[in-house]
Amino acid sequence: MEKYGETLVALDQDEEARLRLLAEVFDPLCTRTLDALDVDRAARCLEVGAGSGSVAQWLCGQARDGEVIAADLDLRLLERVPEPRLRRLVHDVTTDPFPDGSFDVSAGAALSAGLSAPLAGGLTVSPGRSSTTATARSAPIRSLSICGGTRLADFWRLTVDMSREQLIAGGHVTPYELDEFYALLHDDAFWDLAPALVQSTCSMYDRARPA
């Protein structure tokens, strides 16, 4: 499995722009779910693949008496987050998972589909998918529309462009087809469906809390 920064990604100006778009588009989905769950002030929270740390910073505002850890393979963007309570951690959850029960809430904005969940025995929330050992409340299917000329279109353009050379070299797509794809993403008359996102809203807090 390709890991962040191995071959396709470098933390350059384009990647910073892509991560900003990722946060702008997907953070509302993640924080809306977390907000509905009423994260406890004393919660132990983890954001995996934290990137710019925007969700971790939001969690710091909710778990004011708890602990918030932002884990990533590259902490350069996290170092810019103006939050003294945020603990930044270089960590690869694909090879070194946290023990069960380490956190009450685990969040990830853009995790690999192959990453096991829950991450640490608590609530795991990604933009369209969450899971936990607690009972799920609901499982709506959400599908975002990609409209040309939007921030989501810009995110997918930058994401695909990261692997442009590999896609062409592997015979998966031609340069002409990629150029057509980029043109559609700039066309405000174009729209299509993004990959469907399935969300199961769950919480460890469904269990009885001590008085």
N, C-alpha and C. Protein backbone atom coordinates (compact mmCIF):
# COMPACT_ATOMS: atom_id res chain seq x y z
N MET A 1 0.84 -1.19 0.00
CA MET A 1 0.00 0.00 0.00
C MET A 1 0.88 1.24 0.00
N GLU A 2 0.59 2.17 -0.89
CA GLU A 2 1.33 3.42 -0.97
C GLU A 2 1.13 4.23 0.31
N LYS A 3 2.23 4.64 0.92
CA LYS A 3 2.16 5.48 2.10
C LYS A 3 2.42 6.93 1.72
N TYR A 4 1.87 7.82 2.51
CA TYR A 4 1.99 9.24 2.23
C TYR A 4 3.46 9.64 2.13
N GLY A 5 3.80 10.27 1.01
CA GLY A 5 5.14 10.78 0.82
C GLY A 5 6.15 9.81 0.26
N GLU A 6 5.76 8.55 0.01
CA GLU A 6 6.73 7.57 -0.48
C GLU A 6 7.14 7.87 -1.92
N THR A 7 6.18 7.97 -2.83
CA THR A 7 6.51 8.22 -4.24
C THR A 7 5.66 9.31 -4.86
N LEU A 8 4.38 9.40 -4.49
CA LEU A 8 3.46 10.29 -5.20
C LEU A 8 3.39 11.69 -4.59
N VAL A 9 3.71 11.83 -3.34
CA VAL A 9 3.45 13.08 -2.65
C VAL A 9 4.73 13.67 -2.08
N ALA A 10 4.91 14.97 -2.28
CA ALA A 10 5.96 15.73 -1.62
C ALA A 10 5.31 16.96 -1.03
N LEU A 11 5.75 17.38 0.14
CA LEU A 11 5.13 18.51 0.80
C LEU A 11 5.66 19.80 0.17
N ASP A 12 5.20 20.07 -1.05
CA ASP A 12 5.58 21.29 -1.74
C ASP A 12 4.38 22.23 -1.76
N GLN A 13 4.48 23.29 -2.55
CA GLN A 13 3.41 24.29 -2.58
C GLN A 13 2.09 23.70 -3.08
N ASP A 14 2.15 22.82 -4.09
CA ASP A 14 0.93 22.19 -4.61
C ASP A 14 0.28 21.29 -3.57
N GLU A 15 1.09 20.55 -2.82
CA GLU A 15 0.53 19.66 -1.82
C GLU A 15 -0.09 20.45 -0.67
N GLU A 16 0.52 21.56 -0.30
CA GLU A 16 -0.09 22.40 0.73
C GLU A 16 -1.45 22.92 0.27
N ALA A 17 -1.53 23.30 -1.00
CA ALA A 17 -2.81 23.77 -1.55
C ALA A 17 -3.84 22.64 -1.55
N ARG A 18 -3.41 21.42 -1.89
CA ARG A 18 -4.32 20.27 -1.91
C ARG A 18 -4.84 19.96 -0.51
N LEU A 19 -3.97 20.03 0.49
CA LEU A 19 -4.39 19.76 1.86
C LEU A 19 -5.33 20.85 2.38
N ARG A 20 -5.11 22.09 1.97
CA ARG A 20 -6.04 23.15 2.36
C ARG A 20 -7.42 22.90 1.76
N LEU A 21 -7.44 22.46 0.49
CA LEU A 21 -8.72 22.14 -0.16
C LEU A 21 -9.39 20.95 0.52
N LEU A 22 -8.58 19.96 0.88
CA LEU A 22 -9.11 18.78 1.59
C LEU A 22 -9.83 19.21 2.86
N ALA A 23 -9.19 20.08 3.63
CA ALA A 23 -9.79 20.56 4.87
C ALA A 23 -11.05 21.37 4.60
N GLU A 24 -10.99 22.23 3.60
CA GLU A 24 -12.12 23.09 3.29
C GLU A 24 -13.35 22.29 2.87
N VAL A 25 -13.13 21.23 2.09
CA VAL A 25 -14.24 20.45 1.55
C VAL A 25 -14.75 19.42 2.55
N PHE A 26 -13.84 18.70 3.20
CA PHE A 26 -14.25 17.54 3.99
C PHE A 26 -14.36 17.79 5.50
N ASP A 27 -13.71 18.82 6.02
CA ASP A 27 -13.81 19.09 7.46
C ASP A 27 -15.25 19.27 7.93
N PRO A 28 -16.10 20.00 7.19
CA PRO A 28 -17.48 20.16 7.67
C PRO A 28 -18.21 18.84 7.87
N LEU A 29 -17.94 17.84 7.00
CA LEU A 29 -18.58 16.54 7.17
C LEU A 29 -18.10 15.86 8.45
N CYS A 30 -16.80 15.98 8.70
CA CYS A 30 -16.22 15.32 9.88
C CYS A 30 -16.66 16.02 11.16
N THR A 31 -16.56 17.34 11.20
CA THR A 31 -16.89 18.06 12.43
C THR A 31 -18.39 18.07 12.69
N ARG A 32 -19.21 18.01 11.63
CA ARG A 32 -20.66 17.94 11.82
C ARG A 32 -21.04 16.66 12.55
N THR A 33 -20.40 15.55 12.16
CA THR A 33 -20.66 14.27 12.82
C THR A 33 -20.19 14.31 14.27
N LEU A 34 -18.99 14.83 14.48
CA LEU A 34 -18.46 14.91 15.84
C LEU A 34 -19.30 15.83 16.72
N ASP A 35 -19.75 16.94 16.15
CA ASP A 35 -20.56 17.88 16.91
C ASP A 35 -21.87 17.26 17.36
N ALA A 36 -22.46 16.44 16.47
CA ALA A 36 -23.72 15.78 16.81
C ALA A 36 -23.54 14.76 17.93
N LEU A 37 -22.32 14.27 18.10
CA LEU A 37 -22.04 13.28 19.13
C LEU A 37 -21.72 13.91 20.48
N ASP A 38 -21.59 15.24 20.51
CA ASP A 38 -21.36 15.95 21.76
C ASP A 38 -20.11 15.41 22.46
N VAL A 39 -18.95 15.66 21.84
CA VAL A 39 -17.68 15.19 22.37
C VAL A 39 -17.49 15.71 23.79
N ASP A 40 -17.17 14.82 24.71
CA ASP A 40 -17.03 15.17 26.12
C ASP A 40 -15.84 16.10 26.33
N ARG A 41 -15.97 17.01 27.30
CA ARG A 41 -14.88 17.95 27.61
C ARG A 41 -13.61 17.23 28.02
N ALA A 42 -13.75 16.04 28.60
CA ALA A 42 -12.59 15.29 29.08
C ALA A 42 -12.17 14.18 28.13
N ALA A 43 -12.66 14.21 26.91
CA ALA A 43 -12.40 13.12 25.96
C ALA A 43 -10.92 13.05 25.57
N ARG A 44 -10.47 11.84 25.32
CA ARG A 44 -9.14 11.59 24.76
C ARG A 44 -9.33 11.45 23.26
N CYS A 45 -8.73 12.35 22.49
CA CYS A 45 -9.02 12.44 21.06
C CYS A 45 -7.76 12.25 20.22
N LEU A 46 -7.96 11.66 19.05
CA LEU A 46 -6.87 11.41 18.11
C LEU A 46 -7.32 11.77 16.70
N GLU A 47 -6.50 12.56 15.99
CA GLU A 47 -6.71 12.72 14.55
C GLU A 47 -5.56 12.02 13.84
N VAL A 48 -5.91 11.08 12.95
CA VAL A 48 -4.92 10.31 12.21
C VAL A 48 -4.77 10.90 10.81
N GLY A 49 -3.55 10.94 10.31
CA GLY A 49 -3.32 11.58 9.02
C GLY A 49 -3.75 13.03 9.09
N ALA A 50 -3.27 13.71 10.14
CA ALA A 50 -3.83 15.01 10.50
C ALA A 50 -3.56 16.11 9.49
N GLY A 51 -2.50 15.97 8.69
CA GLY A 51 -2.22 16.98 7.67
C GLY A 51 -2.00 18.35 8.27
N SER A 52 -2.93 19.27 7.99
CA SER A 52 -2.81 20.63 8.50
C SER A 52 -3.33 20.76 9.92
N GLY A 53 -3.95 19.70 10.46
CA GLY A 53 -4.40 19.70 11.85
C GLY A 53 -5.68 20.45 12.11
N SER A 54 -6.47 20.70 11.09
CA SER A 54 -7.68 21.51 11.26
C SER A 54 -8.72 20.81 12.13
N VAL A 55 -8.90 19.50 11.95
CA VAL A 55 -9.87 18.77 12.77
C VAL A 55 -9.35 18.65 14.20
N ALA A 56 -8.06 18.40 14.35
CA ALA A 56 -7.47 18.31 15.69
C ALA A 56 -7.64 19.64 16.44
N GLN A 57 -7.47 20.74 15.73
CA GLN A 57 -7.65 22.04 16.35
C GLN A 57 -9.11 22.22 16.79
N TRP A 58 -10.05 21.75 15.97
CA TRP A 58 -11.47 21.82 16.33
C TRP A 58 -11.73 20.97 17.57
N LEU A 59 -11.12 19.79 17.62
CA LEU A 59 -11.31 18.91 18.78
C LEU A 59 -10.77 19.54 20.06
N CYS A 60 -9.71 20.32 19.95
CA CYS A 60 -9.18 21.01 21.13
C CYS A 60 -10.21 21.95 21.73
N GLY A 61 -11.05 22.51 20.87
CA GLY A 61 -12.10 23.39 21.36
C GLY A 61 -13.24 22.67 22.02
N GLN A 62 -13.38 21.38 21.73
CA GLN A 62 -14.46 20.57 22.32
C GLN A 62 -13.98 19.87 23.59
N ALA A 63 -12.84 19.21 23.51
CA ALA A 63 -12.30 18.46 24.65
C ALA A 63 -11.35 19.36 25.44
N ARG A 64 -11.89 20.40 26.05
CA ARG A 64 -11.06 21.41 26.71
C ARG A 64 -10.33 20.88 27.93
N ASP A 65 -10.88 19.84 28.55
CA ASP A 65 -10.22 19.26 29.73
C ASP A 65 -9.61 17.89 29.40
N GLY A 66 -9.61 17.53 28.13
CA GLY A 66 -9.10 16.23 27.74
C GLY A 66 -7.74 16.32 27.06
N GLU A 67 -7.50 15.40 26.15
CA GLU A 67 -6.23 15.33 25.44
C GLU A 67 -6.51 15.18 23.95
N VAL A 68 -5.78 15.92 23.13
CA VAL A 68 -5.92 15.82 21.68
C VAL A 68 -4.55 15.58 21.07
N ILE A 69 -4.45 14.49 20.31
CA ILE A 69 -3.20 14.13 19.62
C ILE A 69 -3.44 14.19 18.12
N ALA A 70 -2.54 14.84 17.40
CA ALA A 70 -2.57 14.87 15.94
C ALA A 70 -1.39 14.04 15.44
N ALA A 71 -1.70 12.92 14.78
CA ALA A 71 -0.66 12.00 14.32
C ALA A 71 -0.52 12.08 12.81
N ASP A 72 0.70 12.11 12.33
CA ASP A 72 0.97 12.13 10.90
C ASP A 72 2.41 11.70 10.68
N LEU A 73 2.72 11.37 9.42
CA LEU A 73 4.09 11.02 9.09
C LEU A 73 4.96 12.26 8.91
N ASP A 74 4.33 13.41 8.70
CA ASP A 74 5.05 14.66 8.47
C ASP A 74 4.37 15.74 9.32
N LEU A 75 5.12 16.34 10.23
CA LEU A 75 4.54 17.29 11.17
C LEU A 75 4.73 18.75 10.78
N ARG A 76 5.29 19.02 9.61
CA ARG A 76 5.63 20.40 9.29
C ARG A 76 4.42 21.33 9.29
N LEU A 77 3.30 20.87 8.73
CA LEU A 77 2.11 21.71 8.73
C LEU A 77 1.49 21.78 10.13
N LEU A 78 1.58 20.70 10.87
CA LEU A 78 1.03 20.68 12.23
C LEU A 78 1.76 21.66 13.14
N GLU A 79 3.03 21.89 12.88
CA GLU A 79 3.79 22.81 13.71
C GLU A 79 3.27 24.24 13.59
N ARG A 80 2.51 24.51 12.54
CA ARG A 80 1.98 25.86 12.33
C ARG A 80 0.65 26.09 13.05
N VAL A 81 0.07 25.03 13.61
CA VAL A 81 -1.23 25.16 14.28
C VAL A 81 -1.04 25.91 15.59
N PRO A 82 -1.71 27.05 15.77
CA PRO A 82 -1.53 27.86 16.99
C PRO A 82 -2.37 27.35 18.15
N GLU A 83 -2.08 26.13 18.57
CA GLU A 83 -2.85 25.51 19.66
C GLU A 83 -1.88 24.87 20.64
N PRO A 84 -1.66 25.52 21.79
CA PRO A 84 -0.66 25.00 22.73
C PRO A 84 -1.02 23.65 23.34
N ARG A 85 -2.32 23.31 23.37
CA ARG A 85 -2.72 22.05 23.99
C ARG A 85 -2.59 20.87 23.05
N LEU A 86 -2.35 21.11 21.78
CA LEU A 86 -2.29 20.04 20.80
C LEU A 86 -0.96 19.30 20.89
N ARG A 87 -1.04 17.99 21.03
CA ARG A 87 0.16 17.16 21.03
C ARG A 87 0.37 16.61 19.62
N ARG A 88 1.53 16.86 19.06
CA ARG A 88 1.86 16.43 17.70
C ARG A 88 2.73 15.19 17.76
N LEU A 89 2.39 14.19 16.95
CA LEU A 89 3.07 12.90 17.06
C LEU A 89 3.37 12.33 15.68
N VAL A 90 4.65 12.03 15.42
CA VAL A 90 5.02 11.30 14.20
C VAL A 90 4.65 9.84 14.43
N HIS A 91 3.72 9.33 13.64
CA HIS A 91 3.22 7.98 13.92
C HIS A 91 2.61 7.38 12.66
N ASP A 92 2.88 6.10 12.43
CA ASP A 92 2.33 5.35 11.30
C ASP A 92 1.38 4.30 11.86
N VAL A 93 0.07 4.57 11.78
CA VAL A 93 -0.90 3.64 12.35
C VAL A 93 -1.02 2.35 11.55
N THR A 94 -0.49 2.33 10.33
CA THR A 94 -0.56 1.10 9.53
C THR A 94 0.41 0.04 10.03
N THR A 95 1.46 0.48 10.73
CA THR A 95 2.45 -0.48 11.24
C THR A 95 2.50 -0.51 12.77
N ASP A 96 1.95 0.52 13.41
CA ASP A 96 2.03 0.61 14.87
C ASP A 96 0.71 1.13 15.42
N PRO A 97 -0.34 0.30 15.42
CA PRO A 97 -1.65 0.75 15.90
C PRO A 97 -1.63 1.05 17.39
N PHE A 98 -2.49 1.96 17.80
CA PHE A 98 -2.62 2.27 19.22
C PHE A 98 -3.38 1.14 19.92
N PRO A 99 -3.08 0.90 21.18
CA PRO A 99 -3.83 -0.13 21.93
C PRO A 99 -5.30 0.24 22.05
N ASP A 100 -6.15 -0.79 22.09
CA ASP A 100 -7.58 -0.56 22.30
C ASP A 100 -7.80 0.23 23.59
N GLY A 101 -8.75 1.14 23.52
CA GLY A 101 -9.08 1.94 24.68
C GLY A 101 -8.21 3.15 24.89
N SER A 102 -7.29 3.44 23.94
CA SER A 102 -6.40 4.58 24.11
C SER A 102 -7.13 5.91 23.97
N PHE A 103 -8.19 5.94 23.15
CA PHE A 103 -8.89 7.19 22.87
C PHE A 103 -10.40 6.97 22.90
N ASP A 104 -11.10 8.06 23.19
CA ASP A 104 -12.55 8.05 23.12
C ASP A 104 -13.04 8.39 21.72
N VAL A 105 -12.27 9.22 21.03
CA VAL A 105 -12.64 9.66 19.68
C VAL A 105 -11.41 9.60 18.79
N SER A 106 -11.57 8.96 17.61
CA SER A 106 -10.51 8.94 16.61
C SER A 106 -11.09 9.47 15.31
N ALA A 107 -10.43 10.43 14.71
CA ALA A 107 -10.94 11.05 13.49
C ALA A 107 -9.87 11.03 12.42
N GLY A 108 -10.32 10.91 11.17
CA GLY A 108 -9.40 10.95 10.03
C GLY A 108 -10.09 11.55 8.83
N ALA A 109 -9.48 12.54 8.21
CA ALA A 109 -10.12 13.23 7.08
C ALA A 109 -9.93 12.49 5.77
N ALA A 110 -8.85 11.75 5.61
CA ALA A 110 -8.61 11.09 4.33
C ALA A 110 -7.76 9.86 4.56
N LEU A 111 -8.41 8.80 5.03
CA LEU A 111 -7.70 7.57 5.36
C LEU A 111 -7.85 6.55 4.26
N SER A 112 -6.88 5.68 4.15
CA SER A 112 -6.96 4.59 3.18
C SER A 112 -8.12 3.67 3.53
N ALA A 113 -8.80 3.18 2.50
CA ALA A 113 -9.93 2.28 2.72
C ALA A 113 -9.48 0.99 3.40
N GLY A 114 -8.20 0.68 3.30
CA GLY A 114 -7.71 -0.55 3.90
C GLY A 114 -7.32 -0.41 5.35
N LEU A 115 -7.43 0.81 5.89
CA LEU A 115 -7.04 1.03 7.27
C LEU A 115 -8.11 0.51 8.21
N SER A 116 -7.70 -0.33 9.13
CA SER A 116 -8.66 -0.93 10.05
C SER A 116 -9.27 0.12 10.97
N ALA A 117 -10.52 -0.08 11.30
CA ALA A 117 -11.21 0.80 12.24
C ALA A 117 -12.05 -0.09 13.15
N PRO A 118 -12.27 0.27 14.43
CA PRO A 118 -11.82 1.52 15.02
C PRO A 118 -10.31 1.56 15.25
N LEU A 119 -9.74 2.75 15.26
CA LEU A 119 -8.30 2.90 15.35
C LEU A 119 -7.78 2.63 16.75
N ALA A 120 -8.60 2.96 17.73
CA ALA A 120 -8.10 2.82 19.10
C ALA A 120 -9.21 2.49 20.09
N GLY A 121 -10.16 1.69 19.64
CA GLY A 121 -11.19 1.23 20.55
C GLY A 121 -12.26 2.26 20.85
N GLY A 122 -12.24 3.39 20.16
CA GLY A 122 -13.25 4.41 20.38
C GLY A 122 -13.97 4.73 19.09
N LEU A 123 -14.56 5.89 19.03
CA LEU A 123 -15.26 6.33 17.83
C LEU A 123 -14.26 6.67 16.74
N THR A 124 -14.49 6.21 15.54
CA THR A 124 -13.65 6.55 14.40
C THR A 124 -14.50 7.24 13.36
N VAL A 125 -14.16 8.47 13.04
CA VAL A 125 -14.95 9.25 12.10
C VAL A 125 -14.07 9.69 10.94
N SER A 126 -14.46 9.34 9.72
CA SER A 126 -13.87 9.91 8.52
C SER A 126 -14.98 10.70 7.85
N PRO A 127 -14.71 11.49 6.80
CA PRO A 127 -15.74 12.36 6.27
C PRO A 127 -17.06 11.67 5.96
N GLY A 128 -17.01 10.42 5.53
CA GLY A 128 -18.27 9.76 5.23
C GLY A 128 -18.38 8.40 5.86
N ARG A 129 -17.48 8.08 6.77
CA ARG A 129 -17.54 6.74 7.33
C ARG A 129 -17.06 6.81 8.78
N SER A 130 -17.80 6.21 9.66
CA SER A 130 -17.34 6.12 11.04
C SER A 130 -17.70 4.76 11.59
N SER A 131 -16.91 4.28 12.51
CA SER A 131 -17.21 2.98 13.09
C SER A 131 -16.69 2.94 14.51
N THR A 132 -17.22 2.05 15.30
CA THR A 132 -16.81 1.93 16.69
C THR A 132 -17.30 0.60 17.23
N THR A 133 -16.90 0.28 18.42
CA THR A 133 -17.40 -0.93 19.05
C THR A 133 -18.79 -0.70 19.64
N ALA A 134 -19.23 0.56 19.71
CA ALA A 134 -20.58 0.86 20.18
C ALA A 134 -21.58 0.62 19.07
N THR A 135 -22.86 0.70 19.41
CA THR A 135 -23.92 0.44 18.44
C THR A 135 -24.13 1.63 17.52
N ALA A 136 -24.22 1.40 16.23
CA ALA A 136 -24.43 2.48 15.27
C ALA A 136 -25.84 3.02 15.39
N ARG A 137 -25.98 4.34 15.27
CA ARG A 137 -27.29 4.96 15.31
C ARG A 137 -27.93 4.98 13.93
N SER A 138 -27.14 5.21 12.89
CA SER A 138 -27.68 5.29 11.54
C SER A 138 -26.55 5.07 10.56
N ALA A 139 -26.93 4.81 9.30
CA ALA A 139 -25.91 4.60 8.27
C ALA A 139 -26.37 5.19 6.95
N PRO A 140 -26.50 6.52 6.87
CA PRO A 140 -26.91 7.15 5.62
C PRO A 140 -25.81 7.08 4.57
N ILE A 141 -26.20 7.06 3.31
CA ILE A 141 -25.24 7.10 2.22
C ILE A 141 -25.18 8.52 1.70
N ARG A 142 -23.99 9.09 1.67
CA ARG A 142 -23.81 10.45 1.20
C ARG A 142 -22.95 10.42 -0.06
N SER A 143 -23.34 11.20 -1.03
CA SER A 143 -22.55 11.31 -2.24
C SER A 143 -22.40 12.77 -2.59
N LEU A 144 -21.16 13.24 -2.68
CA LEU A 144 -20.89 14.62 -3.02
C LEU A 144 -20.85 14.77 -4.53
N SER A 145 -21.40 15.85 -5.03
CA SER A 145 -21.34 16.13 -6.46
C SER A 145 -20.07 16.92 -6.77
N ILE A 146 -19.35 16.47 -7.79
CA ILE A 146 -18.20 17.22 -8.27
C ILE A 146 -18.69 18.15 -9.37
N CYS A 147 -18.68 19.43 -9.12
CA CYS A 147 -19.09 20.42 -10.11
C CYS A 147 -17.87 21.17 -10.60
N GLY A 148 -17.77 21.36 -11.91
CA GLY A 148 -16.63 22.05 -12.47
C GLY A 148 -16.48 23.45 -11.90
N GLY A 149 -15.23 23.84 -11.68
CA GLY A 149 -14.97 25.18 -11.18
C GLY A 149 -15.14 25.36 -9.69
N THR A 150 -15.36 24.25 -8.95
CA THR A 150 -15.56 24.34 -7.50
C THR A 150 -14.29 23.93 -6.76
N ARG A 151 -14.30 24.13 -5.45
CA ARG A 151 -13.15 23.74 -4.63
C ARG A 151 -12.96 22.23 -4.64
N LEU A 152 -14.06 21.48 -4.66
CA LEU A 152 -13.94 20.02 -4.72
C LEU A 152 -13.31 19.59 -6.04
N ALA A 153 -13.67 20.24 -7.13
CA ALA A 153 -13.05 19.94 -8.43
C ALA A 153 -11.55 20.25 -8.38
N ASP A 154 -11.19 21.35 -7.75
CA ASP A 154 -9.77 21.70 -7.63
C ASP A 154 -9.03 20.64 -6.82
N PHE A 155 -9.67 20.13 -5.75
CA PHE A 155 -9.03 19.09 -4.94
C PHE A 155 -8.75 17.84 -5.77
N TRP A 156 -9.75 17.39 -6.56
CA TRP A 156 -9.55 16.18 -7.35
C TRP A 156 -8.54 16.41 -8.48
N ARG A 157 -8.50 17.61 -9.03
CA ARG A 157 -7.51 17.90 -10.07
C ARG A 157 -6.09 17.77 -9.50
N LEU A 158 -5.85 18.37 -8.34
CA LEU A 158 -4.53 18.28 -7.73
C LEU A 158 -4.21 16.86 -7.29
N THR A 159 -5.23 16.13 -6.81
CA THR A 159 -5.02 14.75 -6.36
C THR A 159 -4.62 13.85 -7.52
N VAL A 160 -5.34 13.95 -8.64
CA VAL A 160 -5.02 13.13 -9.81
C VAL A 160 -3.68 13.55 -10.40
N ASP A 161 -3.41 14.84 -10.37
CA ASP A 161 -2.17 15.34 -10.98
C ASP A 161 -0.93 14.81 -10.26
N MET A 162 -1.07 14.45 -8.97
CA MET A 162 0.06 13.89 -8.23
C MET A 162 0.58 12.61 -8.90
N SER A 163 -0.33 11.83 -9.47
CA SER A 163 0.05 10.54 -10.05
C SER A 163 -0.03 10.56 -11.58
N ARG A 164 0.01 11.74 -12.17
CA ARG A 164 -0.11 11.86 -13.63
C ARG A 164 0.92 10.98 -14.35
N GLU A 165 2.18 11.12 -13.99
CA GLU A 165 3.24 10.38 -14.69
C GLU A 165 3.06 8.88 -14.51
N GLN A 166 2.71 8.44 -13.31
CA GLN A 166 2.53 7.01 -13.06
C GLN A 166 1.33 6.46 -13.82
N LEU A 167 0.26 7.23 -13.91
CA LEU A 167 -0.93 6.79 -14.64
C LEU A 167 -0.64 6.62 -16.12
N ILE A 168 0.11 7.56 -16.68
CA ILE A 168 0.45 7.48 -18.11
C ILE A 168 1.43 6.36 -18.36
N ALA A 169 2.47 6.26 -17.53
CA ALA A 169 3.49 5.22 -17.71
C ALA A 169 2.90 3.82 -17.57
N GLY A 170 1.89 3.68 -16.72
CA GLY A 170 1.28 2.37 -16.52
C GLY A 170 0.23 2.03 -17.56
N GLY A 171 -0.03 2.93 -18.49
CA GLY A 171 -1.01 2.67 -19.53
C GLY A 171 -2.45 2.76 -19.07
N HIS A 172 -2.68 3.38 -17.90
CA HIS A 172 -4.03 3.48 -17.37
C HIS A 172 -4.83 4.58 -18.07
N VAL A 173 -4.14 5.59 -18.55
CA VAL A 173 -4.80 6.73 -19.18
C VAL A 173 -3.80 7.41 -20.12
N THR A 174 -4.31 8.09 -21.11
CA THR A 174 -3.43 8.81 -22.05
C THR A 174 -3.33 10.27 -21.63
N PRO A 175 -2.27 10.96 -22.09
CA PRO A 175 -2.17 12.40 -21.79
C PRO A 175 -3.39 13.17 -22.29
N TYR A 176 -3.92 12.77 -23.43
CA TYR A 176 -5.11 13.45 -23.99
C TYR A 176 -6.31 13.27 -23.06
N GLU A 177 -6.50 12.06 -22.54
CA GLU A 177 -7.63 11.80 -21.65
C GLU A 177 -7.49 12.60 -20.35
N LEU A 178 -6.28 12.71 -19.83
CA LEU A 178 -6.08 13.50 -18.63
C LEU A 178 -6.36 14.98 -18.88
N ASP A 179 -5.92 15.47 -20.03
CA ASP A 179 -6.18 16.87 -20.35
C ASP A 179 -7.68 17.12 -20.49
N GLU A 180 -8.41 16.15 -21.05
CA GLU A 180 -9.87 16.27 -21.13
C GLU A 180 -10.48 16.31 -19.73
N PHE A 181 -9.96 15.47 -18.86
CA PHE A 181 -10.44 15.42 -17.48
C PHE A 181 -10.22 16.77 -16.78
N TYR A 182 -9.02 17.34 -16.94
CA TYR A 182 -8.73 18.63 -16.31
C TYR A 182 -9.65 19.71 -16.86
N ALA A 183 -9.91 19.66 -18.17
CA ALA A 183 -10.79 20.67 -18.78
C ALA A 183 -12.20 20.59 -18.21
N LEU A 184 -12.70 19.38 -17.99
CA LEU A 184 -14.03 19.21 -17.42
C LEU A 184 -14.10 19.79 -16.01
N LEU A 185 -13.03 19.61 -15.23
CA LEU A 185 -13.03 20.11 -13.86
C LEU A 185 -13.02 21.64 -13.80
N HIS A 186 -12.65 22.27 -14.90
CA HIS A 186 -12.69 23.73 -14.97
C HIS A 186 -13.99 24.24 -15.58
N ASP A 187 -14.79 23.33 -16.13
CA ASP A 187 -16.02 23.70 -16.84
C ASP A 187 -17.18 23.77 -15.85
N ASP A 188 -17.74 24.97 -15.66
CA ASP A 188 -18.80 25.11 -14.66
C ASP A 188 -20.12 24.46 -15.09
N ALA A 189 -20.19 23.93 -16.32
CA ALA A 189 -21.38 23.20 -16.76
C ALA A 189 -21.26 21.70 -16.48
N PHE A 190 -20.08 21.28 -16.01
CA PHE A 190 -19.84 19.85 -15.75
C PHE A 190 -20.17 19.50 -14.31
N TRP A 191 -20.77 18.31 -14.14
CA TRP A 191 -20.91 17.75 -12.80
C TRP A 191 -20.93 16.24 -12.89
N ASP A 192 -20.52 15.60 -11.82
CA ASP A 192 -20.55 14.15 -11.71
C ASP A 192 -20.57 13.82 -10.22
N LEU A 193 -20.77 12.55 -9.91
CA LEU A 193 -20.79 12.13 -8.51
C LEU A 193 -19.41 11.71 -8.06
N ALA A 194 -19.04 12.18 -6.89
CA ALA A 194 -17.81 11.70 -6.26
C ALA A 194 -18.09 10.30 -5.70
N PRO A 195 -17.06 9.57 -5.31
CA PRO A 195 -17.30 8.27 -4.68
C PRO A 195 -18.27 8.39 -3.51
N ALA A 196 -19.21 7.46 -3.42
CA ALA A 196 -20.21 7.49 -2.36
C ALA A 196 -19.55 7.32 -1.00
N LEU A 197 -20.07 8.01 -0.01
CA LEU A 197 -19.55 7.94 1.34
C LEU A 197 -20.62 7.37 2.26
N VAL A 198 -20.29 6.30 2.95
CA VAL A 198 -21.24 5.68 3.88
C VAL A 198 -20.86 6.08 5.29
N GLN A 199 -21.82 6.59 6.03
CA GLN A 199 -21.52 7.05 7.37
C GLN A 199 -22.38 6.33 8.41
N SER A 200 -21.72 5.78 9.40
CA SER A 200 -22.40 5.17 10.54
C SER A 200 -22.08 6.00 11.76
N THR A 201 -23.06 6.74 12.24
CA THR A 201 -22.84 7.66 13.36
C THR A 201 -22.92 6.89 14.67
N CYS A 202 -21.79 6.77 15.33
CA CYS A 202 -21.70 5.95 16.54
C CYS A 202 -20.92 6.69 17.60
N SER A 203 -20.99 6.21 18.82
CA SER A 203 -20.22 6.85 19.88
C SER A 203 -20.02 5.91 21.05
N MET A 204 -18.82 5.99 21.61
CA MET A 204 -18.58 5.29 22.87
C MET A 204 -19.46 5.88 23.96
N TYR A 205 -19.92 7.13 23.77
CA TYR A 205 -20.74 7.79 24.76
C TYR A 205 -22.15 7.23 24.82
N ASP A 206 -22.50 6.34 23.87
CA ASP A 206 -23.79 5.67 23.95
C ASP A 206 -23.86 4.79 25.20
N ARG A 207 -22.68 4.39 25.68
CA ARG A 207 -22.64 3.58 26.89
C ARG A 207 -22.87 4.46 28.10
N ALA A 208 -23.29 3.87 29.17
CA ALA A 208 -23.56 4.66 30.38
C ALA A 208 -22.30 5.31 30.88
N ARG A 209 -22.41 6.58 31.23
CA ARG A 209 -21.27 7.30 31.80
C ARG A 209 -21.37 7.29 33.31
N PRO A 210 -20.24 7.34 33.96
CA PRO A 210 -20.27 7.41 35.43
C PRO A 210 -20.90 8.73 35.88
N ALA A 211 -21.56 8.71 36.99
CA ALA A 211 -22.20 9.93 37.51
C ALA A 211 -21.13 10.93 37.95
